Amino acid sequence: MIRRFLKSLEEDGHLKELVRGSLTFGSLRLVGMPLSYLFAVLVARIYGPAPMGMLALASTVVGIGSILAALGLGNALLRFVAEHYARDEKATAKAFYLKGISLCVPASMVVAIAIYTMAPYVAEVVLEKPHLTPYIRVASFGLLPGVLLTLNLETLRALKRIRAYTFMQNVMPPVLLMIAFLVGYFVLSYKEIMLLILVGVFSTSVIFLVSTVFLWKEFSHLGHASIAVSTGQLLSVSLPMFMTGALSMIISWTDIIMLGMWRTDAEVGIYNIAVRLAMITSFPLMAINSIAAPKFAEFWGRQDMEGLKRIAQQSTRFIFWTSAPMLTLYLLFPSFFMGIFGEEFRVGALALVILSIGQFVDATGGSKGYFLQMTGKQLYNFMALLTMALTNAGLNMLLIPEYGIKGAALASLISIVWVNIFAAIIIYRLYGFVILYFPRPNFMFVKSCKE
């Protein structure tokens, strides 16, 4: 199998680019990931589960606002910039980027002010945790730089600047968070929970400025696009993607919000750690997505359907085999991994197992969301995510009050299985192939690439 894969690399330049880009993402992510989890362990051991839950809830509220402010423009820029760069229309790509920024700045300011103003209502009425009000208010200051950073990063990905994209997304955040936290806690002796919110806003703002300088250098030699980009042209694609992105984020945050409504801060903190650990299982999917999305847009822009099919199937197969080892470790030693964050976190071992299985199922489904979005079928992706969001919310309402974090994890698993089956059916009906992969030849939904 390895020999066949190496032979395919030699013969297929697009597969080689996909693997090279994924390995670049992966290698840099492997630098940032230990730092990120080291920071999480440090904070968890200093403050315990309850403050971790408070931090997760405040961040989630602002995160939901960020999705509203972004208007789906991140994914829209990923598609348009990648398409026009592939056609060597670089000035037009620059015009799309500038238009996206001009739309997001006022939207982000409005949403940030709204969150700051409504923080007492959200904390007291929705979450029934009035002590969260100041944390939500301070976190709202990070919304504008956070949204603009998202647009910058998606543009870098569209330009295939994977090293810069990965460095700013995965290496700089934990480094800046760690340095700012250590200075604040040990040098300035500021030990309040608010320190965690402050260092988050600080690191996001710094990375936004760095990414802006990088893109300015990238675009500075280009003139203005000969064809003006209208607001309607951009929003006609971004708004369906906004709905999709909003649903995707709401799905990932529904568990946290509903746990916050019906359970304690400590349970929210334990569950948040289990989610973060489980995400490592889907690390190969994130690595593949870093380069697969612009590749999908490139093939679609050229109307190369055979190449599009091949790269989608190859990526899914690669994701499966690189995701399996981490799942195995979590199945065998869940209590050990949760215990790294402190003895109180070991109660989340079963939730970690369930969540990891869900992430593995999602990985075997491949880059289905980006595939649909980059080929102009974002409405189908929205339909898939809508059914997932409704399933997830309904199951959380049913399971969380009685089963707590185990119920939230089970709701997540069931909804992930459903959306992968649903998306696979949509892709099969639209394009005539399925991208799910299973290793046994008689049960492979993905055909091997031609050798």
Protein backbone atom coordinates (compact mmCIF):
# COMPACT_ATOMS: atom_id res chain seq x y z
CA MET A 1 0.00 0.00 0.00
CA ILE A 2 2.83 2.39 0.87
CA ARG A 3 4.60 1.52 -2.37
CA ARG A 4 1.46 2.27 -4.39
CA PHE A 5 1.00 5.55 -2.57
CA LEU A 6 4.61 6.63 -3.28
CA LYS A 7 4.16 5.70 -6.92
CA SER A 8 1.00 7.83 -7.08
CA LEU A 9 2.96 10.75 -5.61
CA GLU A 10 5.52 10.51 -8.38
CA GLU A 11 2.89 10.38 -11.13
CA ASP A 12 0.34 12.88 -9.82
CA GLY A 13 1.57 16.43 -9.30
CA HIS A 14 -1.69 17.55 -7.66
CA LEU A 15 -1.56 14.73 -5.12
CA LYS A 16 2.04 15.65 -4.43
CA GLU A 17 1.02 19.29 -3.82
CA LEU A 18 -1.81 18.13 -1.56
CA VAL A 19 0.51 15.95 0.54
CA ARG A 20 3.29 18.55 0.62
CA GLY A 21 0.89 21.28 1.75
CA SER A 22 -0.66 18.98 4.35
CA LEU A 23 2.75 18.01 5.70
CA THR A 24 3.74 21.67 5.89
CA PHE A 25 0.58 22.40 7.86
CA GLY A 26 1.09 19.30 9.97
CA SER A 27 4.73 19.97 10.82
CA LEU A 28 4.04 23.53 11.90
CA ARG A 29 0.91 22.42 13.73
CA LEU A 30 2.99 19.86 15.59
CA VAL A 31 5.11 22.76 16.82
CA GLY A 32 2.14 24.79 17.99
CA MET A 33 -0.03 21.96 19.27
CA PRO A 34 2.17 20.94 22.24
CA LEU A 35 2.46 24.59 23.23
CA SER A 36 -1.30 25.00 23.01
CA TYR A 37 -1.99 21.97 25.18
CA LEU A 38 0.82 22.89 27.57
CA PHE A 39 -0.87 26.25 28.05
CA ALA A 40 -4.22 24.53 28.62
CA VAL A 41 -2.66 22.15 31.17
CA LEU A 42 -0.97 25.05 32.97
CA VAL A 43 -4.20 27.05 33.18
CA ALA A 44 -6.30 24.02 34.17
CA ARG A 45 -3.93 23.06 36.99
CA ILE A 46 -3.72 26.63 38.30
CA TYR A 47 -7.43 27.54 38.12
CA GLY A 48 -9.31 24.19 37.99
CA PRO A 49 -12.41 23.12 36.01
CA ALA A 50 -14.86 25.90 37.01
CA PRO A 51 -12.79 28.85 35.73
CA MET A 52 -12.07 26.88 32.55
CA GLY A 53 -15.83 26.59 32.11
CA MET A 54 -16.31 30.33 32.65
CA LEU A 55 -13.65 31.06 30.04
CA ALA A 56 -15.26 28.64 27.57
CA LEU A 57 -18.69 30.22 27.99
CA ALA A 58 -17.48 33.81 27.59
CA SER A 59 -15.42 32.85 24.53
CA THR A 60 -18.38 31.01 23.02
CA VAL A 61 -20.70 34.00 23.34
CA VAL A 62 -18.19 36.23 21.56
CA GLY A 63 -17.46 33.47 19.05
CA ILE A 64 -21.12 33.35 18.03
CA GLY A 65 -21.01 37.12 17.54
CA SER A 66 -17.90 36.74 15.39
CA ILE A 67 -19.74 34.41 13.04
CA LEU A 68 -22.50 36.99 12.61
CA ALA A 69 -19.99 39.77 11.94
CA ALA A 70 -17.93 37.75 9.44
CA LEU A 71 -20.92 37.34 7.09
CA GLY A 72 -19.39 34.20 5.58
CA LEU A 73 -16.75 36.34 3.86
CA GLY A 74 -13.84 34.17 5.00
CA ASN A 75 -14.91 31.16 2.94
CA ALA A 76 -16.05 33.40 0.09
CA LEU A 77 -12.59 34.98 -0.09
CA LEU A 78 -11.03 31.53 0.05
CA ARG A 79 -13.00 30.57 -3.04
CA PHE A 80 -12.73 33.78 -5.09
CA VAL A 81 -9.08 34.56 -4.34
CA ALA A 82 -8.04 30.97 -5.12
CA GLU A 83 -10.02 30.96 -8.38
CA HIS A 84 -8.63 34.26 -9.65
CA TYR A 85 -5.06 33.46 -8.62
CA ALA A 86 -5.32 30.18 -10.53
CA ARG A 87 -6.34 32.23 -13.60
CA ASP A 88 -3.47 34.69 -12.98
CA GLU A 89 -5.98 37.48 -12.25
CA LYS A 90 -4.14 38.66 -9.15
CA ALA A 91 -5.40 42.24 -9.15
CA THR A 92 -8.98 40.99 -9.13
CA ALA A 93 -8.15 38.69 -6.22
CA LYS A 94 -6.83 41.72 -4.34
CA ALA A 95 -10.06 43.62 -5.06
CA PHE A 96 -12.12 40.78 -3.56
CA TYR A 97 -9.98 40.85 -0.41
CA LEU A 98 -10.31 44.62 0.05
CA LYS A 99 -14.06 44.47 -0.51
CA GLY A 100 -14.38 41.75 2.12
CA ILE A 101 -12.45 43.82 4.67
CA SER A 102 -14.57 46.91 3.95
CA LEU A 103 -17.75 44.94 4.66
CA CYS A 104 -16.52 43.24 7.84
CA VAL A 105 -15.21 46.28 9.72
CA PRO A 106 -18.57 48.02 10.30
CA ALA A 107 -20.39 44.72 10.85
CA SER A 108 -17.86 43.67 13.50
CA MET A 109 -18.07 47.00 15.31
CA VAL A 110 -21.87 46.81 15.49
CA VAL A 111 -21.85 43.23 16.79
CA ALA A 112 -19.09 43.96 19.35
CA ILE A 113 -21.04 46.91 20.76
CA ALA A 114 -24.20 44.79 20.90
CA ILE A 115 -22.43 42.01 22.83
CA TYR A 116 -20.92 44.51 25.27
CA THR A 117 -24.32 46.11 25.87
CA MET A 118 -26.27 42.84 26.15
CA ALA A 119 -23.69 41.00 28.28
CA PRO A 120 -25.75 41.30 31.51
CA TYR A 121 -28.84 39.86 29.79
CA VAL A 122 -26.91 36.95 28.26
CA ALA A 123 -25.17 36.13 31.53
CA GLU A 124 -28.15 36.52 33.86
CA VAL A 125 -31.12 35.43 31.76
CA VAL A 126 -29.78 33.01 29.13
CA LEU A 127 -26.98 31.31 31.06
CA GLU A 128 -28.21 32.11 34.57
CA LYS A 129 -24.63 32.95 35.55
CA PRO A 130 -24.49 36.72 36.30
CA HIS A 131 -20.82 36.48 37.31
CA LEU A 132 -19.96 36.06 33.60
CA THR A 133 -20.97 39.62 32.65
CA PRO A 134 -17.54 41.32 32.99
CA TYR A 135 -15.79 38.44 31.21
CA ILE A 136 -18.13 38.63 28.22
CA ARG A 137 -17.70 42.40 28.04
CA VAL A 138 -13.90 42.28 28.02
CA ALA A 139 -13.90 39.41 25.52
CA SER A 140 -16.02 41.51 23.13
CA PHE A 141 -12.99 43.76 22.52
CA GLY A 142 -11.35 40.87 20.70
CA LEU A 143 -14.19 40.46 18.21
CA LEU A 144 -13.08 42.99 15.57
CA PRO A 145 -9.42 41.88 15.33
CA GLY A 146 -10.59 38.26 15.49
CA VAL A 147 -12.95 38.58 12.53
CA LEU A 148 -10.42 40.48 10.41
CA LEU A 149 -7.77 37.91 11.30
CA THR A 150 -10.08 35.18 9.98
CA LEU A 151 -10.37 36.97 6.64
CA ASN A 152 -6.60 37.44 6.47
CA LEU A 153 -5.93 33.78 7.21
CA GLU A 154 -8.43 32.52 4.64
CA THR A 155 -6.85 34.81 2.05
CA LEU A 156 -3.41 33.44 2.87
CA ARG A 157 -4.79 29.93 2.44
CA ALA A 158 -6.28 30.86 -0.92
CA LEU A 159 -2.87 32.14 -2.00
CA LYS A 160 -1.42 28.78 -0.86
CA ARG A 161 0.85 30.53 1.63
CA ILE A 162 0.46 27.50 3.88
CA ARG A 163 3.53 28.19 6.00
CA ALA A 164 2.40 31.71 6.87
CA TYR A 165 -1.21 30.57 7.33
CA THR A 166 -0.28 27.72 9.66
CA PHE A 167 2.30 29.74 11.59
CA MET A 168 -0.18 32.50 12.33
CA GLN A 169 -3.07 30.14 13.06
CA ASN A 170 -1.32 27.44 15.08
CA VAL A 171 2.11 28.57 16.28
CA MET A 172 1.79 32.25 17.14
CA PRO A 173 -1.39 31.96 19.30
CA PRO A 174 -0.04 29.54 21.93
CA VAL A 175 3.34 31.31 22.00
CA LEU A 176 1.78 34.72 22.59
CA LEU A 177 -0.78 33.34 25.04
CA MET A 178 1.92 31.60 27.07
CA ILE A 179 4.22 34.63 27.18
CA ALA A 180 1.44 37.10 28.02
CA PHE A 181 0.00 34.80 30.69
CA LEU A 182 3.35 34.16 32.37
CA VAL A 183 4.15 37.87 32.42
CA GLY A 184 0.73 38.77 33.79
CA TYR A 185 0.56 35.99 36.39
CA PHE A 186 4.14 35.79 37.67
CA VAL A 187 5.68 39.18 36.82
CA LEU A 188 2.71 41.50 37.31
CA SER A 189 1.12 39.21 39.94
CA TYR A 190 -2.32 39.56 38.36
CA LYS A 191 -3.95 36.23 39.18
CA GLU A 192 -7.61 36.89 38.42
CA ILE A 193 -9.52 34.80 35.85
CA MET A 194 -9.85 37.97 33.77
CA LEU A 195 -6.18 37.55 32.87
CA LEU A 196 -7.13 34.68 30.54
CA ILE A 197 -9.56 36.90 28.62
CA LEU A 198 -7.05 39.75 28.42
CA VAL A 199 -4.24 37.60 27.03
CA GLY A 200 -6.66 36.18 24.46
CA VAL A 201 -7.62 39.63 23.18
CA PHE A 202 -3.96 40.68 23.17
CA SER A 203 -2.71 37.68 21.17
CA THR A 204 -5.52 37.93 18.61
CA SER A 205 -4.79 41.62 18.04
CA VAL A 206 -1.05 41.05 17.57
CA ILE A 207 -1.55 38.21 15.08
CA PHE A 208 -4.07 40.29 13.13
CA LEU A 209 -1.49 43.06 12.74
CA VAL A 210 1.21 40.60 11.63
CA SER A 211 -1.10 38.98 9.06
CA THR A 212 -2.10 42.40 7.72
CA VAL A 213 1.53 43.37 7.18
CA PHE A 214 2.16 40.06 5.40
CA LEU A 215 -0.78 40.51 3.03
CA TRP A 216 0.09 44.14 2.40
CA LYS A 217 3.51 43.01 1.16
CA GLU A 218 1.85 40.29 -0.92
CA PHE A 219 -0.56 42.70 -2.62
CA SER A 220 1.47 45.93 -2.61
CA HIS A 221 2.98 45.40 -6.07
CA LEU A 222 -0.45 44.89 -7.63
CA GLY A 223 -2.51 47.73 -9.00
CA HIS A 224 -6.25 48.09 -8.69
CA ALA A 225 -8.38 45.44 -10.35
CA SER A 226 -9.63 46.41 -13.79
CA ILE A 227 -13.05 44.96 -12.89
CA ALA A 228 -14.72 46.38 -9.81
CA VAL A 229 -16.04 43.88 -7.30
CA SER A 230 -19.60 44.72 -6.36
CA THR A 231 -20.95 44.14 -2.88
CA GLY A 232 -23.80 42.08 -4.32
CA GLN A 233 -21.40 39.82 -6.22
CA LEU A 234 -19.47 38.97 -3.09
CA LEU A 235 -22.45 38.68 -0.76
CA SER A 236 -24.35 36.43 -3.18
CA VAL A 237 -21.76 33.76 -2.42
CA SER A 238 -20.75 34.76 1.11
CA LEU A 239 -24.24 34.83 2.63
CA PRO A 240 -25.02 31.15 1.89
CA MET A 241 -21.54 30.40 3.23
CA PHE A 242 -22.33 32.60 6.22
CA MET A 243 -25.35 30.45 6.98
CA THR A 244 -23.20 27.35 6.60
CA GLY A 245 -20.37 28.73 8.74
CA ALA A 246 -22.82 29.94 11.37
CA LEU A 247 -24.45 26.52 11.57
CA SER A 248 -21.06 24.82 11.78
CA MET A 249 -19.97 27.03 14.68
CA ILE A 250 -23.34 26.82 16.41
CA ILE A 251 -23.09 23.04 16.23
CA SER A 252 -19.66 23.09 17.85
CA TRP A 253 -20.83 25.50 20.56
CA THR A 254 -24.29 24.09 21.26
CA ASP A 255 -22.90 21.57 23.74
CA ILE A 256 -21.04 24.27 25.67
CA ILE A 257 -23.98 26.68 25.77
CA MET A 258 -26.50 24.02 26.84
CA LEU A 259 -24.14 22.61 29.44
CA GLY A 260 -23.76 26.17 30.71
CA MET A 261 -27.53 26.52 30.95
CA TRP A 262 -28.20 23.29 32.84
CA ARG A 263 -24.94 22.20 34.48
CA THR A 264 -22.11 23.70 36.53
CA ASP A 265 -19.12 25.73 35.37
CA ALA A 266 -16.89 22.81 36.38
CA GLU A 267 -18.70 20.39 34.06
CA VAL A 268 -18.40 22.89 31.22
CA GLY A 269 -14.66 23.14 31.87
CA ILE A 270 -14.18 19.36 31.92
CA TYR A 271 -16.19 18.93 28.73
CA ASN A 272 -14.27 21.71 27.01
CA ILE A 273 -11.00 19.90 27.72
CA ALA A 274 -12.44 16.62 26.39
CA VAL A 275 -13.48 18.41 23.19
CA ARG A 276 -10.02 19.92 22.75
CA LEU A 277 -8.35 16.55 23.18
CA ALA A 278 -10.79 14.83 20.82
CA MET A 279 -10.01 17.40 18.14
CA ILE A 280 -6.53 15.90 17.83
CA THR A 281 -8.17 12.85 16.24
CA SER A 282 -9.29 15.04 13.34
CA PHE A 283 -5.89 16.74 13.04
CA PRO A 284 -5.20 15.06 9.64
CA LEU A 285 -8.54 16.37 8.36
CA MET A 286 -7.56 19.91 9.32
CA ALA A 287 -4.16 19.43 7.69
CA ILE A 288 -5.72 18.20 4.45
CA ASN A 289 -8.33 20.96 4.49
CA SER A 290 -5.57 23.59 4.65
CA ILE A 291 -4.63 22.81 1.04
CA ALA A 292 -7.60 20.75 -0.25
CA ALA A 293 -10.03 23.69 -0.15
CA PRO A 294 -8.06 25.93 -2.56
CA LYS A 295 -7.31 22.85 -4.71
CA PHE A 296 -11.04 22.15 -4.98
CA ALA A 297 -11.63 25.77 -6.02
CA GLU A 298 -8.79 25.54 -8.53
CA PHE A 299 -10.13 22.37 -10.20
CA TRP A 300 -13.66 23.76 -10.18
CA GLY A 301 -12.49 27.00 -11.77
CA ARG A 302 -10.89 24.95 -14.58
CA GLN A 303 -13.91 22.63 -14.80
CA ASP A 304 -11.59 19.64 -14.36
CA MET A 305 -14.13 17.24 -12.86
CA GLU A 306 -11.92 14.17 -13.05
CA GLY A 307 -9.14 15.94 -11.17
CA LEU A 308 -11.66 17.20 -8.62
CA LYS A 309 -12.93 13.68 -8.01
CA ARG A 310 -9.44 12.23 -7.75
CA ILE A 311 -8.13 14.79 -5.25
CA ALA A 312 -11.26 14.42 -3.07
CA GLN A 313 -10.91 10.64 -2.90
CA GLN A 314 -7.16 10.67 -2.37
CA SER A 315 -7.46 13.14 0.49
CA THR A 316 -10.10 11.03 2.28
CA ARG A 317 -7.98 7.91 2.11
CA PHE A 318 -4.97 9.78 3.50
CA ILE A 319 -7.09 11.24 6.33
CA PHE A 320 -8.39 7.83 7.41
CA TRP A 321 -5.01 6.17 7.90
CA THR A 322 -3.45 9.13 9.67
CA SER A 323 -6.41 9.60 12.06
CA ALA A 324 -6.64 6.00 13.29
CA PRO A 325 -3.58 5.96 15.63
CA MET A 326 -4.81 8.81 17.87
CA LEU A 327 -8.27 7.28 18.14
CA THR A 328 -6.71 4.00 19.28
CA LEU A 329 -4.76 5.76 22.05
CA TYR A 330 -7.86 7.54 23.31
CA LEU A 331 -9.87 4.31 23.33
CA LEU A 332 -7.18 2.57 25.39
CA PHE A 333 -6.13 5.35 27.81
CA PRO A 334 -8.87 8.01 28.10
CA SER A 335 -8.49 8.51 31.84
CA PHE A 336 -4.74 9.07 31.50
CA PHE A 337 -5.14 11.82 28.91
CA MET A 338 -7.85 13.62 30.87
CA GLY A 339 -5.82 13.26 34.06
CA ILE A 340 -2.97 15.27 32.55
CA PHE A 341 -5.08 18.38 33.21
CA GLY A 342 -5.72 17.43 36.84
CA GLU A 343 -7.46 14.71 38.84
CA GLU A 344 -10.81 16.49 38.65
CA PHE A 345 -10.81 16.09 34.86
CA ARG A 346 -10.68 12.27 34.88
CA VAL A 347 -14.47 12.09 35.15
CA GLY A 348 -14.55 13.19 31.52
CA ALA A 349 -12.83 10.01 30.27
CA LEU A 350 -15.98 8.46 28.78
CA ALA A 351 -16.92 11.76 27.13
CA LEU A 352 -13.45 11.83 25.56
CA VAL A 353 -13.95 8.34 24.11
CA ILE A 354 -17.35 9.24 22.62
CA LEU A 355 -16.13 12.55 21.23
CA SER A 356 -13.03 10.93 19.71
CA ILE A 357 -15.13 8.36 17.88
CA GLY A 358 -17.22 11.22 16.53
CA GLN A 359 -14.16 13.09 15.31
CA PHE A 360 -12.84 9.94 13.63
CA VAL A 361 -16.16 9.42 11.84
CA ASP A 362 -16.00 13.04 10.68
CA ALA A 363 -12.46 12.47 9.40
CA THR A 364 -13.46 9.42 7.37
CA GLY A 365 -16.09 11.58 5.68
CA GLY A 366 -13.32 13.70 4.16
CA SER A 367 -13.42 17.38 3.23
CA LYS A 368 -17.10 17.20 2.34
CA GLY A 369 -18.00 20.70 3.50
CA TYR A 370 -15.21 22.44 1.61
CA PHE A 371 -15.88 20.24 -1.43
CA LEU A 372 -19.47 21.45 -1.64
CA GLN A 373 -18.62 25.08 -0.89
CA MET A 374 -15.73 25.34 -3.33
CA THR A 375 -17.82 23.81 -6.14
CA GLY A 376 -20.69 26.28 -5.77
CA LYS A 377 -22.96 23.87 -3.90
CA GLN A 378 -22.90 25.73 -0.58
CA LEU A 379 -26.68 25.49 -0.26
CA TYR A 380 -26.46 21.70 -0.15
CA ASN A 381 -23.81 21.96 2.54
CA PHE A 382 -26.11 24.31 4.43
CA MET A 383 -28.91 21.72 4.23
CA ALA A 384 -26.61 19.03 5.63
CA LEU A 385 -25.48 21.24 8.50
CA LEU A 386 -29.00 22.42 9.24
CA THR A 387 -30.17 18.85 9.80
CA MET A 388 -27.09 18.26 11.95
CA ALA A 389 -27.72 21.40 14.02
CA LEU A 390 -31.34 20.45 14.66
CA THR A 391 -30.39 16.88 15.56
CA ASN A 392 -27.61 18.04 17.85
CA ALA A 393 -29.74 20.65 19.63
CA GLY A 394 -32.63 18.23 20.12
CA LEU A 395 -30.43 15.49 21.51
CA ASN A 396 -28.62 17.92 23.80
CA MET A 397 -31.93 19.12 25.23
CA LEU A 398 -32.92 15.51 25.82
CA LEU A 399 -29.63 14.13 27.18
CA ILE A 400 -27.75 16.92 28.99
CA PRO A 401 -30.18 17.50 31.90
CA GLU A 402 -29.91 13.86 32.98
CA TYR A 403 -26.53 12.66 31.68
CA GLY A 404 -24.44 15.86 31.70
CA ILE A 405 -21.20 15.76 29.71
CA LYS A 406 -21.74 12.14 28.63
CA GLY A 407 -25.09 13.13 27.13
CA ALA A 408 -23.53 16.09 25.32
CA ALA A 409 -20.82 13.85 23.87
CA LEU A 410 -23.36 11.27 22.69
CA ALA A 411 -25.46 13.99 21.03
CA SER A 412 -22.36 15.17 19.21
CA LEU A 413 -21.48 11.65 18.00
CA ILE A 414 -24.97 10.91 16.65
CA SER A 415 -25.21 14.23 14.81
CA ILE A 416 -21.74 13.77 13.25
CA VAL A 417 -22.63 10.30 11.97
CA TRP A 418 -25.83 11.68 10.48
CA VAL A 419 -24.26 14.65 8.68
CA ASN A 420 -21.52 12.49 7.14
CA ILE A 421 -24.06 10.06 5.71
CA PHE A 422 -26.23 12.92 4.49
CA ALA A 423 -23.33 14.78 2.82
CA ALA A 424 -22.03 11.58 1.20
CA ILE A 425 -25.45 10.96 -0.36
CA ILE A 426 -25.59 14.54 -1.67
CA ILE A 427 -22.12 14.33 -3.23
CA TYR A 428 -22.93 10.96 -4.79
CA ARG A 429 -26.14 12.25 -6.35
CA LEU A 430 -24.46 15.41 -7.65
CA TYR A 431 -21.13 13.99 -8.85
CA GLY A 432 -21.55 10.22 -9.05
CA PHE A 433 -19.02 9.18 -6.42
CA VAL A 434 -18.83 8.86 -2.62
CA ILE A 435 -15.86 10.06 -0.62
CA LEU A 436 -16.32 7.97 2.54
CA TYR A 437 -13.51 5.46 3.02
CA PHE A 438 -13.25 2.09 4.75
CA PRO A 439 -10.06 0.00 4.53
CA ARG A 440 -11.51 -3.38 3.55
CA PRO A 441 -11.65 -3.64 -0.27
CA ASN A 442 -15.18 -5.03 -0.36
CA PHE A 443 -16.48 -2.14 1.72
CA MET A 444 -14.60 0.79 0.23
CA PHE A 445 -16.85 3.67 -0.67
CA VAL A 446 -13.85 5.41 -2.19
CA LYS A 447 -12.22 3.83 -5.20
CA SER A 448 -8.46 3.84 -5.34
CA CYS A 449 -6.87 6.34 -7.65
CA LYS A 450 -5.84 4.87 -10.98
CA GLU A 451 -2.41 3.38 -10.89
